[in-house]
N, C-alpha and C. Protein backbone atom coordinates (compact mmCIF):
# COMPACT_ATOMS: atom_id res chain seq x y z
N UNK A 1 128.08 103.38 92.47
CA UNK A 1 128.83 103.71 93.67
C UNK A 1 130.20 104.23 93.24
N UNK A 2 130.63 105.33 93.84
CA UNK A 2 131.90 105.94 93.44
C UNK A 2 132.81 106.13 94.65
N UNK A 3 134.11 105.99 94.42
CA UNK A 3 135.11 106.31 95.44
C UNK A 3 135.89 107.51 94.92
N UNK A 4 135.93 108.58 95.72
CA UNK A 4 136.64 109.80 95.30
C UNK A 4 137.77 110.08 96.26
N UNK A 5 138.77 110.82 95.77
CA UNK A 5 139.90 111.16 96.63
C UNK A 5 139.62 112.48 97.36
N UNK A 6 140.62 113.00 98.09
CA UNK A 6 140.43 114.20 98.91
C UNK A 6 140.14 115.43 98.05
N UNK A 7 140.51 115.37 96.78
CA UNK A 7 140.26 116.50 95.88
C UNK A 7 138.91 116.39 95.17
N UNK A 8 138.14 115.35 95.50
CA UNK A 8 136.83 115.18 94.88
C UNK A 8 136.90 114.54 93.51
N UNK A 9 138.02 113.95 93.15
CA UNK A 9 138.16 113.31 91.84
C UNK A 9 137.90 111.82 91.94
N UNK A 10 137.32 111.28 90.88
CA UNK A 10 137.05 109.83 90.87
C UNK A 10 138.33 109.04 91.02
N UNK A 11 138.27 108.03 91.90
CA UNK A 11 139.32 107.01 91.93
C UNK A 11 138.81 105.81 91.13
N UNK A 12 137.62 105.41 91.43
CA UNK A 12 137.00 104.32 90.66
C UNK A 12 135.49 104.37 90.89
N UNK A 13 134.76 103.70 90.03
CA UNK A 13 133.32 103.58 90.15
C UNK A 13 132.91 102.12 89.97
N UNK A 14 131.85 101.74 90.69
CA UNK A 14 131.28 100.41 90.55
C UNK A 14 129.90 100.56 89.92
N UNK A 15 129.66 99.86 88.83
CA UNK A 15 128.38 99.96 88.15
C UNK A 15 127.95 98.63 87.59
N UNK A 16 126.69 98.54 87.22
CA UNK A 16 126.14 97.30 86.67
C UNK A 16 126.34 97.26 85.16
N UNK A 17 126.45 96.04 84.63
CA UNK A 17 126.50 95.86 83.19
C UNK A 17 125.15 96.18 82.58
N UNK A 18 125.05 96.05 81.28
CA UNK A 18 123.85 96.48 80.56
C UNK A 18 122.59 95.79 81.06
N UNK A 19 122.65 94.47 81.35
CA UNK A 19 121.43 93.77 81.78
C UNK A 19 121.38 93.58 83.29
N UNK A 20 122.31 94.19 84.01
CA UNK A 20 122.29 94.10 85.46
C UNK A 20 122.87 92.81 86.01
N UNK A 21 123.38 91.93 85.15
CA UNK A 21 123.89 90.64 85.61
C UNK A 21 125.33 90.71 86.08
N UNK A 22 126.07 91.70 85.62
CA UNK A 22 127.49 91.79 85.99
C UNK A 22 127.80 93.12 86.65
N UNK A 23 128.88 93.14 87.43
CA UNK A 23 129.38 94.36 88.05
C UNK A 23 130.72 94.71 87.43
N UNK A 24 130.96 96.02 87.28
CA UNK A 24 132.22 96.47 86.69
C UNK A 24 132.85 97.54 87.57
N UNK A 25 134.15 97.50 87.68
CA UNK A 25 134.90 98.58 88.33
C UNK A 25 135.66 99.33 87.24
N UNK A 26 135.41 100.63 87.14
CA UNK A 26 136.10 101.44 86.14
C UNK A 26 136.92 102.51 86.84
N UNK A 27 138.02 102.92 86.19
CA UNK A 27 138.82 103.99 86.77
C UNK A 27 138.28 105.34 86.31
N UNK A 28 139.00 106.42 86.68
CA UNK A 28 138.48 107.75 86.39
C UNK A 28 138.40 108.06 84.90
N UNK A 29 139.08 107.28 84.06
CA UNK A 29 139.01 107.49 82.62
C UNK A 29 137.87 106.70 81.98
N UNK A 30 137.20 105.84 82.78
CA UNK A 30 136.12 105.01 82.24
C UNK A 30 136.59 103.65 81.80
N UNK A 31 137.90 103.36 81.98
CA UNK A 31 138.44 102.06 81.59
C UNK A 31 138.00 100.99 82.58
N UNK A 32 137.49 99.85 82.07
CA UNK A 32 137.06 98.76 82.94
C UNK A 32 138.30 98.06 83.50
N UNK A 33 138.40 98.03 84.83
CA UNK A 33 139.53 97.39 85.49
C UNK A 33 139.20 96.00 86.00
N UNK A 34 137.92 95.76 86.24
CA UNK A 34 137.48 94.44 86.71
C UNK A 34 136.02 94.27 86.40
N UNK A 35 135.64 93.02 86.06
CA UNK A 35 134.23 92.74 85.79
C UNK A 35 133.91 91.35 86.29
N UNK A 36 132.78 91.20 86.95
CA UNK A 36 132.37 89.87 87.44
C UNK A 36 132.05 88.96 86.25
N UNK A 37 131.93 87.67 86.52
CA UNK A 37 131.80 86.71 85.43
C UNK A 37 130.41 86.05 85.39
N UNK A 38 129.42 86.66 86.03
CA UNK A 38 128.07 86.08 85.98
C UNK A 38 127.58 86.04 84.54
N UNK A 39 126.82 85.00 84.23
CA UNK A 39 126.32 84.84 82.86
C UNK A 39 125.27 85.90 82.56
N UNK A 40 125.21 86.31 81.29
CA UNK A 40 124.20 87.28 80.89
C UNK A 40 122.81 86.73 81.15
N UNK A 41 121.91 87.61 81.58
CA UNK A 41 120.54 87.19 81.84
C UNK A 41 120.35 86.53 83.19
N UNK A 42 121.38 86.58 84.05
CA UNK A 42 121.26 85.97 85.37
C UNK A 42 120.15 86.65 86.18
N UNK A 43 120.04 87.96 86.01
CA UNK A 43 119.04 88.72 86.76
C UNK A 43 118.01 89.30 85.80
N UNK A 44 116.76 89.31 86.27
CA UNK A 44 115.69 89.92 85.50
C UNK A 44 115.36 91.28 86.09
N UNK A 45 114.91 92.19 85.21
CA UNK A 45 114.52 93.52 85.66
C UNK A 45 113.32 93.41 86.59
N UNK A 46 113.38 94.08 87.74
CA UNK A 46 112.28 94.05 88.70
C UNK A 46 111.33 95.19 88.40
N UNK A 47 110.03 94.87 88.34
CA UNK A 47 109.02 95.89 88.08
C UNK A 47 108.89 96.78 89.32
N UNK A 48 108.87 98.10 89.15
CA UNK A 48 108.72 98.99 90.30
C UNK A 48 107.40 98.71 91.03
N UNK A 49 107.39 98.95 92.34
CA UNK A 49 106.19 98.67 93.13
C UNK A 49 105.07 99.66 92.82
N UNK A 50 105.41 100.90 92.46
CA UNK A 50 104.40 101.92 92.27
C UNK A 50 104.34 102.42 90.83
N UNK A 51 105.42 102.97 90.32
CA UNK A 51 105.42 103.55 88.97
C UNK A 51 105.63 102.45 87.94
N UNK A 52 104.60 101.66 87.71
CA UNK A 52 104.69 100.54 86.81
C UNK A 52 104.49 100.98 85.36
N UNK A 53 104.94 100.14 84.45
CA UNK A 53 104.65 100.38 83.04
C UNK A 53 103.17 100.10 82.79
N UNK A 54 102.63 100.68 81.73
CA UNK A 54 101.19 100.60 81.48
C UNK A 54 100.68 99.16 81.45
N UNK A 55 101.41 98.26 80.78
CA UNK A 55 100.92 96.89 80.62
C UNK A 55 100.81 96.16 81.95
N UNK A 56 101.53 96.64 82.98
CA UNK A 56 101.49 95.96 84.28
C UNK A 56 100.16 96.15 85.01
N UNK A 57 99.37 97.13 84.59
CA UNK A 57 98.07 97.36 85.23
C UNK A 57 96.97 96.49 84.60
N UNK A 58 97.25 95.88 83.46
CA UNK A 58 96.25 95.05 82.79
C UNK A 58 95.95 93.80 83.62
N UNK A 59 94.68 93.42 83.71
CA UNK A 59 94.33 92.26 84.53
C UNK A 59 93.27 91.37 83.88
N UNK A 60 92.90 91.64 82.62
CA UNK A 60 91.89 90.79 81.98
C UNK A 60 92.51 89.46 81.59
N UNK A 61 91.72 88.41 81.43
CA UNK A 61 92.25 87.08 81.13
C UNK A 61 93.13 87.09 79.88
N UNK A 62 94.35 86.59 80.03
CA UNK A 62 95.28 86.51 78.89
C UNK A 62 96.11 87.74 78.66
N UNK A 63 95.91 88.80 79.47
CA UNK A 63 96.68 90.04 79.29
C UNK A 63 98.13 89.82 79.68
N UNK A 64 99.07 90.52 79.01
CA UNK A 64 98.85 91.51 77.96
C UNK A 64 98.89 90.92 76.54
N UNK A 65 99.19 89.61 76.43
CA UNK A 65 99.37 89.03 75.09
C UNK A 65 98.06 88.97 74.31
N UNK A 66 96.97 88.71 74.99
CA UNK A 66 95.70 88.55 74.29
C UNK A 66 95.16 89.89 73.80
N UNK A 67 94.70 89.93 72.56
CA UNK A 67 94.14 91.15 71.98
C UNK A 67 92.83 91.47 72.69
N UNK A 68 92.69 92.72 73.13
CA UNK A 68 91.49 93.14 73.83
C UNK A 68 90.25 92.96 72.96
N UNK A 69 90.40 93.09 71.64
CA UNK A 69 89.25 92.92 70.74
C UNK A 69 88.71 91.49 70.81
N UNK A 70 89.59 90.50 71.06
CA UNK A 70 89.13 89.12 71.20
C UNK A 70 88.30 88.97 72.48
N UNK A 71 88.73 89.65 73.54
CA UNK A 71 87.94 89.63 74.78
C UNK A 71 86.57 90.27 74.54
N UNK A 72 86.54 91.38 73.79
CA UNK A 72 85.28 92.04 73.49
C UNK A 72 84.33 91.10 72.74
N UNK A 73 84.86 90.38 71.77
CA UNK A 73 84.04 89.44 71.00
C UNK A 73 83.48 88.34 71.91
N UNK A 74 84.28 87.91 72.87
CA UNK A 74 83.82 86.90 73.82
C UNK A 74 82.68 87.43 74.69
N UNK A 75 82.80 88.68 75.14
CA UNK A 75 81.75 89.29 75.97
C UNK A 75 80.46 89.46 75.18
N UNK A 76 80.59 89.84 73.91
CA UNK A 76 79.41 90.03 73.07
C UNK A 76 78.68 88.71 72.82
N UNK A 77 79.44 87.61 72.83
CA UNK A 77 78.85 86.30 72.56
C UNK A 77 78.37 85.61 73.83
N UNK A 78 78.70 86.16 74.99
CA UNK A 78 78.36 85.51 76.25
C UNK A 78 76.87 85.59 76.55
N UNK A 79 76.39 84.62 77.32
CA UNK A 79 75.00 84.64 77.76
C UNK A 79 74.80 85.82 78.71
N UNK A 80 73.87 86.73 78.41
CA UNK A 80 73.70 87.91 79.27
C UNK A 80 73.21 87.53 80.67
N UNK A 81 73.66 88.29 81.65
CA UNK A 81 73.17 88.16 83.02
C UNK A 81 73.36 89.48 83.74
N UNK A 82 72.79 89.61 84.91
CA UNK A 82 72.90 90.84 85.68
C UNK A 82 74.31 90.99 86.24
N UNK A 83 74.82 92.22 86.21
CA UNK A 83 76.12 92.48 86.82
C UNK A 83 76.16 93.90 87.34
N UNK A 84 77.08 94.14 88.25
CA UNK A 84 77.31 95.48 88.79
C UNK A 84 78.80 95.67 88.99
N UNK A 85 79.44 96.63 88.31
CA UNK A 85 80.87 96.87 88.51
C UNK A 85 81.16 97.22 89.97
N UNK A 86 82.23 96.67 90.50
CA UNK A 86 82.56 96.86 91.91
C UNK A 86 83.62 97.94 92.11
N UNK A 87 83.51 98.65 93.22
CA UNK A 87 84.52 99.61 93.64
C UNK A 87 85.53 98.90 94.52
N UNK A 88 86.82 99.16 94.30
CA UNK A 88 87.86 98.57 95.14
C UNK A 88 87.85 99.17 96.54
N UNK A 89 87.32 100.38 96.65
CA UNK A 89 87.31 101.08 97.95
C UNK A 89 86.10 100.69 98.78
N UNK A 90 84.91 100.68 98.16
CA UNK A 90 83.68 100.55 98.93
C UNK A 90 83.03 99.18 98.88
N UNK A 91 83.37 98.33 97.91
CA UNK A 91 82.70 97.05 97.77
C UNK A 91 83.57 95.91 98.25
N UNK A 92 82.96 94.94 98.88
CA UNK A 92 83.68 93.75 99.31
C UNK A 92 83.49 92.60 98.33
N UNK A 93 82.54 92.75 97.39
CA UNK A 93 82.29 91.67 96.43
C UNK A 93 83.44 91.56 95.44
N UNK A 94 84.03 90.38 95.36
CA UNK A 94 85.12 90.16 94.41
C UNK A 94 84.58 89.86 93.02
N UNK A 95 83.37 89.31 92.96
CA UNK A 95 82.76 88.94 91.68
C UNK A 95 81.82 90.05 91.23
N UNK A 96 82.10 90.74 90.12
CA UNK A 96 81.23 91.83 89.69
C UNK A 96 79.84 91.35 89.29
N UNK A 97 79.66 90.03 89.12
CA UNK A 97 78.35 89.51 88.77
C UNK A 97 77.51 89.17 90.00
N UNK A 98 78.13 89.24 91.20
CA UNK A 98 77.37 88.92 92.40
C UNK A 98 76.32 89.99 92.63
N UNK A 99 75.06 89.63 92.75
CA UNK A 99 74.01 90.64 92.91
C UNK A 99 74.20 91.47 94.17
N UNK A 100 73.92 92.77 94.06
CA UNK A 100 74.01 93.64 95.23
C UNK A 100 72.69 93.62 95.98
N UNK A 101 72.77 93.84 97.28
CA UNK A 101 71.55 93.99 98.05
C UNK A 101 70.86 95.28 97.62
N UNK A 102 69.56 95.37 97.72
CA UNK A 102 68.84 96.56 97.25
C UNK A 102 69.33 97.85 97.87
N UNK A 103 69.80 97.80 99.14
CA UNK A 103 70.22 99.04 99.79
C UNK A 103 71.73 99.18 99.88
N UNK A 104 72.47 98.36 99.11
CA UNK A 104 73.93 98.42 99.15
C UNK A 104 74.43 99.80 98.77
N UNK A 105 73.91 100.33 97.68
CA UNK A 105 74.38 101.59 97.13
C UNK A 105 73.17 102.38 96.63
N UNK A 106 72.48 103.07 97.50
CA UNK A 106 71.24 103.72 97.07
C UNK A 106 71.45 104.82 96.05
N UNK A 107 72.69 105.32 95.93
CA UNK A 107 72.94 106.40 94.97
C UNK A 107 73.28 105.88 93.59
N UNK A 108 73.45 104.58 93.47
CA UNK A 108 73.86 104.02 92.19
C UNK A 108 72.65 103.79 91.28
N UNK A 109 72.90 103.65 89.97
CA UNK A 109 71.83 103.44 89.00
C UNK A 109 71.32 102.01 89.02
N UNK A 110 72.00 101.11 89.70
CA UNK A 110 71.58 99.72 89.76
C UNK A 110 72.45 98.84 88.88
N UNK A 111 71.96 97.64 88.67
CA UNK A 111 72.73 96.66 87.92
C UNK A 111 72.48 96.80 86.42
N UNK A 112 73.32 96.08 85.66
CA UNK A 112 73.22 96.09 84.20
C UNK A 112 73.00 94.66 83.72
N UNK A 113 72.70 94.54 82.43
CA UNK A 113 72.39 93.24 81.84
C UNK A 113 73.33 93.01 80.67
N UNK A 114 74.11 91.93 80.75
CA UNK A 114 75.06 91.63 79.69
C UNK A 114 76.25 90.88 80.25
N UNK A 115 77.45 91.32 79.87
CA UNK A 115 78.68 90.68 80.35
C UNK A 115 79.77 91.74 80.45
N UNK A 116 80.68 91.59 81.42
CA UNK A 116 81.74 92.59 81.57
C UNK A 116 83.02 91.95 82.07
N UNK A 117 84.11 92.70 81.90
CA UNK A 117 85.41 92.29 82.41
C UNK A 117 86.17 93.53 82.85
N UNK A 118 86.94 93.42 83.92
CA UNK A 118 87.85 94.49 84.32
C UNK A 118 89.08 94.38 83.44
N UNK A 119 89.40 95.44 82.72
CA UNK A 119 90.56 95.43 81.81
C UNK A 119 91.84 95.76 82.56
N UNK A 120 91.79 96.79 83.42
CA UNK A 120 92.97 97.21 84.17
C UNK A 120 92.51 97.84 85.47
N UNK A 121 93.36 97.76 86.51
CA UNK A 121 93.01 98.39 87.78
C UNK A 121 94.26 98.63 88.61
N UNK A 122 94.17 99.63 89.50
CA UNK A 122 95.22 99.86 90.48
C UNK A 122 94.60 100.57 91.67
N UNK A 123 95.24 100.41 92.83
CA UNK A 123 94.76 101.03 94.08
C UNK A 123 95.93 101.78 94.69
N UNK A 124 95.75 103.08 94.92
CA UNK A 124 96.80 103.93 95.48
C UNK A 124 96.44 104.28 96.91
N UNK A 125 97.26 103.88 97.86
CA UNK A 125 96.99 104.16 99.26
C UNK A 125 97.32 105.61 99.60
N UNK A 126 96.53 106.18 100.50
CA UNK A 126 96.70 107.57 100.87
C UNK A 126 98.10 107.84 101.42
N UNK A 127 98.62 106.91 102.23
CA UNK A 127 99.95 107.14 102.82
C UNK A 127 101.05 107.16 101.78
N UNK A 128 100.89 106.38 100.72
CA UNK A 128 101.89 106.41 99.65
C UNK A 128 101.84 107.74 98.90
N UNK A 129 100.62 108.20 98.65
CA UNK A 129 100.48 109.46 97.92
C UNK A 129 100.95 110.65 98.75
N UNK A 130 100.83 110.53 100.06
CA UNK A 130 101.31 111.61 100.93
C UNK A 130 102.82 111.78 100.77
N UNK A 131 103.52 110.65 100.65
CA UNK A 131 104.97 110.70 100.50
C UNK A 131 105.39 110.94 99.05
N UNK A 132 104.60 110.43 98.13
CA UNK A 132 104.96 110.51 96.70
C UNK A 132 103.77 111.06 95.93
N UNK A 133 103.64 112.36 95.89
CA UNK A 133 102.44 113.00 95.34
C UNK A 133 102.28 112.76 93.84
N UNK A 134 103.34 112.33 93.17
CA UNK A 134 103.27 112.13 91.72
C UNK A 134 102.62 110.80 91.33
N UNK A 135 102.34 109.93 92.30
CA UNK A 135 101.87 108.59 91.97
C UNK A 135 100.54 108.60 91.21
N UNK A 136 99.60 109.44 91.64
CA UNK A 136 98.30 109.46 90.96
C UNK A 136 98.44 109.96 89.53
N UNK A 137 99.26 111.00 89.33
CA UNK A 137 99.46 111.51 87.97
C UNK A 137 100.09 110.45 87.08
N UNK A 138 101.07 109.74 87.64
CA UNK A 138 101.73 108.67 86.87
C UNK A 138 100.72 107.61 86.44
N UNK A 139 99.93 107.11 87.42
CA UNK A 139 98.97 106.06 87.11
C UNK A 139 97.91 106.56 86.13
N UNK A 140 97.45 107.79 86.31
CA UNK A 140 96.43 108.35 85.42
C UNK A 140 96.95 108.44 83.98
N UNK A 141 98.22 108.81 83.82
CA UNK A 141 98.81 108.89 82.48
C UNK A 141 98.88 107.50 81.85
N UNK A 142 99.28 106.49 82.64
CA UNK A 142 99.37 105.13 82.11
C UNK A 142 97.99 104.61 81.72
N UNK A 143 96.97 104.89 82.55
CA UNK A 143 95.62 104.44 82.23
C UNK A 143 95.09 105.17 80.99
N UNK A 144 95.51 106.43 80.81
CA UNK A 144 95.15 107.14 79.60
C UNK A 144 95.73 106.46 78.37
N UNK A 145 96.96 105.97 78.48
CA UNK A 145 97.58 105.24 77.38
C UNK A 145 96.83 103.94 77.10
N UNK A 146 96.46 103.23 78.17
CA UNK A 146 95.73 101.97 78.00
C UNK A 146 94.37 102.20 77.36
N UNK A 147 93.68 103.26 77.78
CA UNK A 147 92.36 103.55 77.23
C UNK A 147 92.47 103.92 75.75
N UNK A 148 93.46 104.74 75.39
CA UNK A 148 93.63 105.14 73.99
C UNK A 148 93.95 103.93 73.12
N UNK A 149 94.81 103.04 73.63
CA UNK A 149 95.16 101.84 72.87
C UNK A 149 93.95 100.94 72.72
N UNK A 150 93.14 100.82 73.78
CA UNK A 150 91.93 99.99 73.72
C UNK A 150 90.94 100.53 72.70
N UNK A 151 90.76 101.85 72.68
CA UNK A 151 89.84 102.47 71.70
C UNK A 151 90.31 102.16 70.28
N UNK A 152 91.61 102.27 70.04
CA UNK A 152 92.14 101.98 68.70
C UNK A 152 91.87 100.53 68.30
N UNK A 153 92.14 99.60 69.22
CA UNK A 153 91.97 98.18 68.91
C UNK A 153 90.50 97.83 68.66
N UNK A 154 89.63 98.37 69.50
CA UNK A 154 88.21 98.06 69.36
C UNK A 154 87.62 98.71 68.11
N UNK A 155 88.13 99.88 67.74
CA UNK A 155 87.65 100.55 66.53
C UNK A 155 88.05 99.77 65.29
N UNK A 156 89.25 99.20 65.29
CA UNK A 156 89.69 98.38 64.16
C UNK A 156 88.75 97.19 63.99
N UNK A 157 88.32 96.57 65.10
CA UNK A 157 87.48 95.38 65.02
C UNK A 157 85.99 95.70 64.83
N UNK A 158 85.49 96.75 65.50
CA UNK A 158 84.05 96.98 65.52
C UNK A 158 83.60 98.27 64.83
N UNK A 159 84.53 98.96 64.21
CA UNK A 159 84.17 100.18 63.50
C UNK A 159 84.18 101.39 64.40
N UNK A 160 83.79 102.52 63.84
CA UNK A 160 83.84 103.78 64.58
C UNK A 160 82.86 103.76 65.75
N UNK A 161 83.24 104.33 66.89
CA UNK A 161 82.32 104.40 68.03
C UNK A 161 81.15 105.34 67.75
N UNK A 162 80.11 105.21 68.53
CA UNK A 162 78.93 106.06 68.38
C UNK A 162 79.27 107.48 68.78
N UNK A 163 79.06 108.46 67.90
CA UNK A 163 79.44 109.84 68.22
C UNK A 163 78.55 110.43 69.32
N UNK A 164 79.20 111.04 70.29
CA UNK A 164 78.47 111.74 71.35
C UNK A 164 77.75 110.85 72.34
N UNK A 165 77.98 109.54 72.29
CA UNK A 165 77.28 108.61 73.20
C UNK A 165 78.22 108.18 74.32
N UNK A 166 77.77 108.31 75.56
CA UNK A 166 78.52 107.83 76.71
C UNK A 166 77.59 107.01 77.59
N UNK A 167 78.09 105.90 78.08
CA UNK A 167 77.35 105.07 79.04
C UNK A 167 78.26 104.85 80.22
N UNK A 168 77.82 105.26 81.41
CA UNK A 168 78.61 105.09 82.62
C UNK A 168 78.02 103.94 83.44
N UNK A 169 78.76 102.86 83.51
CA UNK A 169 78.31 101.70 84.26
C UNK A 169 78.23 101.99 85.74
N UNK A 170 79.07 102.92 86.18
CA UNK A 170 79.07 103.37 87.57
C UNK A 170 79.71 104.74 87.59
N UNK A 171 79.23 105.63 88.46
CA UNK A 171 79.78 106.98 88.55
C UNK A 171 80.64 107.11 89.80
N UNK A 172 81.73 107.87 89.67
CA UNK A 172 82.63 108.08 90.79
C UNK A 172 83.10 109.52 90.82
N UNK A 173 84.41 109.69 90.89
CA UNK A 173 85.00 111.03 90.92
C UNK A 173 85.65 111.39 89.59
N UNK A 174 85.35 110.62 88.57
CA UNK A 174 85.88 110.88 87.24
C UNK A 174 85.66 109.67 86.37
N UNK A 175 85.00 109.85 85.26
CA UNK A 175 84.77 108.73 84.36
C UNK A 175 84.60 109.23 82.93
N UNK A 176 84.91 108.37 82.01
CA UNK A 176 84.68 108.64 80.59
C UNK A 176 84.42 107.30 79.93
N UNK A 177 83.71 107.34 78.80
CA UNK A 177 83.41 106.08 78.13
C UNK A 177 83.36 106.26 76.63
N UNK A 178 83.58 105.16 75.94
CA UNK A 178 83.44 105.09 74.49
C UNK A 178 82.51 103.92 74.21
N UNK A 179 81.57 104.12 73.26
CA UNK A 179 80.53 103.11 73.02
C UNK A 179 80.50 102.74 71.54
N UNK A 180 80.42 101.43 71.28
CA UNK A 180 80.26 100.91 69.92
C UNK A 180 78.95 100.15 69.84
N UNK A 181 78.30 100.19 68.68
CA UNK A 181 77.12 99.36 68.44
C UNK A 181 77.59 98.09 67.75
N UNK A 182 77.24 96.94 68.33
CA UNK A 182 77.62 95.65 67.76
C UNK A 182 76.37 94.79 67.67
N UNK A 183 75.69 94.83 66.54
CA UNK A 183 74.42 94.13 66.41
C UNK A 183 73.38 94.77 67.32
N UNK A 184 72.73 93.95 68.14
CA UNK A 184 71.74 94.50 69.06
C UNK A 184 72.35 94.84 70.42
N UNK A 185 73.67 94.75 70.53
CA UNK A 185 74.34 95.03 71.81
C UNK A 185 75.23 96.26 71.70
N UNK A 186 75.48 96.86 72.83
CA UNK A 186 76.41 97.98 72.90
C UNK A 186 77.67 97.53 73.63
N UNK A 187 78.81 97.86 73.05
CA UNK A 187 80.11 97.58 73.67
C UNK A 187 80.59 98.86 74.34
N UNK A 188 80.84 98.80 75.64
CA UNK A 188 81.19 99.98 76.42
C UNK A 188 82.57 99.82 77.02
N UNK A 189 83.44 100.80 76.76
CA UNK A 189 84.75 100.88 77.41
C UNK A 189 84.70 102.09 78.33
N UNK A 190 84.83 101.87 79.64
CA UNK A 190 84.73 102.98 80.59
C UNK A 190 85.94 103.04 81.51
N UNK A 191 86.46 104.25 81.69
CA UNK A 191 87.47 104.48 82.72
C UNK A 191 86.76 105.00 83.95
N UNK A 192 87.27 104.65 85.13
CA UNK A 192 86.59 104.95 86.38
C UNK A 192 87.62 105.34 87.43
N UNK A 193 87.37 106.47 88.09
CA UNK A 193 88.25 106.94 89.17
C UNK A 193 87.39 107.22 90.39
N UNK A 194 87.87 106.77 91.55
CA UNK A 194 87.14 107.03 92.80
C UNK A 194 88.15 107.34 93.89
N UNK A 195 87.83 108.35 94.72
CA UNK A 195 88.68 108.76 95.84
C UNK A 195 87.91 108.53 97.13
N UNK A 196 88.55 107.91 98.11
CA UNK A 196 87.91 107.69 99.40
C UNK A 196 88.91 107.81 100.52
N UNK A 197 88.78 108.85 101.35
CA UNK A 197 89.70 109.09 102.48
C UNK A 197 91.15 109.15 102.03
N UNK A 198 91.38 109.70 100.85
CA UNK A 198 92.75 109.84 100.36
C UNK A 198 93.21 108.69 99.49
N UNK A 199 92.58 107.52 99.62
CA UNK A 199 92.89 106.40 98.74
C UNK A 199 92.29 106.69 97.36
N UNK A 200 92.92 106.17 96.33
CA UNK A 200 92.43 106.37 94.97
C UNK A 200 92.43 105.05 94.22
N UNK A 201 91.34 104.79 93.52
CA UNK A 201 91.31 103.62 92.65
C UNK A 201 91.11 104.06 91.21
N UNK A 202 91.76 103.38 90.30
CA UNK A 202 91.56 103.59 88.87
C UNK A 202 91.23 102.24 88.26
N UNK A 203 90.18 102.21 87.47
CA UNK A 203 89.80 100.98 86.78
C UNK A 203 89.43 101.30 85.34
N UNK A 204 89.60 100.28 84.49
CA UNK A 204 89.16 100.35 83.10
C UNK A 204 88.30 99.13 82.87
N UNK A 205 87.04 99.36 82.46
CA UNK A 205 86.07 98.28 82.29
C UNK A 205 85.67 98.12 80.84
N UNK A 206 85.35 96.89 80.46
CA UNK A 206 84.80 96.60 79.14
C UNK A 206 83.54 95.78 79.34
N UNK A 207 82.44 96.24 78.76
CA UNK A 207 81.17 95.55 78.95
C UNK A 207 80.40 95.47 77.65
N UNK A 208 79.69 94.36 77.49
CA UNK A 208 78.76 94.18 76.36
C UNK A 208 77.36 94.21 76.95
N UNK A 209 76.60 95.25 76.64
CA UNK A 209 75.26 95.42 77.20
C UNK A 209 74.23 94.85 76.24
N UNK A 210 73.38 94.00 76.78
CA UNK A 210 72.35 93.36 75.97
C UNK A 210 71.00 93.99 76.27
N UNK A 211 70.10 94.05 75.28
CA UNK A 211 68.76 94.59 75.53
C UNK A 211 67.99 93.65 76.45
N UNK A 212 67.16 94.25 77.30
CA UNK A 212 66.37 93.46 78.24
C UNK A 212 64.97 94.08 78.36
N UNK A 213 63.96 93.24 78.37
CA UNK A 213 62.59 93.73 78.51
C UNK A 213 62.36 94.38 79.87
N UNK A 214 63.17 93.95 80.88
CA UNK A 214 62.97 94.48 82.22
C UNK A 214 63.78 95.75 82.44
N UNK A 215 64.65 96.11 81.49
CA UNK A 215 65.52 97.26 81.69
C UNK A 215 65.20 98.32 80.65
N UNK A 216 64.64 99.47 81.04
CA UNK A 216 64.25 100.49 80.06
C UNK A 216 65.43 101.30 79.54
N UNK A 217 66.60 101.14 80.14
CA UNK A 217 67.75 101.94 79.68
C UNK A 217 68.22 101.46 78.32
N UNK A 218 68.75 102.38 77.48
CA UNK A 218 69.23 101.95 76.15
C UNK A 218 70.49 101.12 76.30
């Protein structure tokens, strides 16, 4: 906040200290004339409601401190069961392992066999994007960073991914995947984008697919 005189010159300015805990009044030369006495660290930085940092979109257990490769190892060791990744826009099921009714999604490939976890997700409302058109690009860039970091971490633990192999757990309006072979199971990292009536969802999934006699898919 600045106070200027009739000639448009600074009289003084009010600004925050480095960590936002103190206020300072400076004159037109930049000399501090007054400063509040609040202790350092009194205030914490508030995360923006929309343009969040990449790590803020992470939602898997233990994130962001827990290494994603440890989560992958847990999924690979888990008892396999049927699951279906859920859409934030179209599905009401909060548990991705909850079986879908046969006619829930006739266009989908069906359920999978193994274990999965949502790594990161966000939901962009149409009205927000109408006012702030950059929101989807911002979120897409952050999810790109998360996906690239996840690929690096999983490659260090499980070796190079399978060349030219993609497995889409669910199809939407944009998806990509990276697949690793881990014993008799496949580890799948998939990004997922879906648009519905202007709303947009972005998700990043990690799944360990187990072979099943009832499932002919690789």
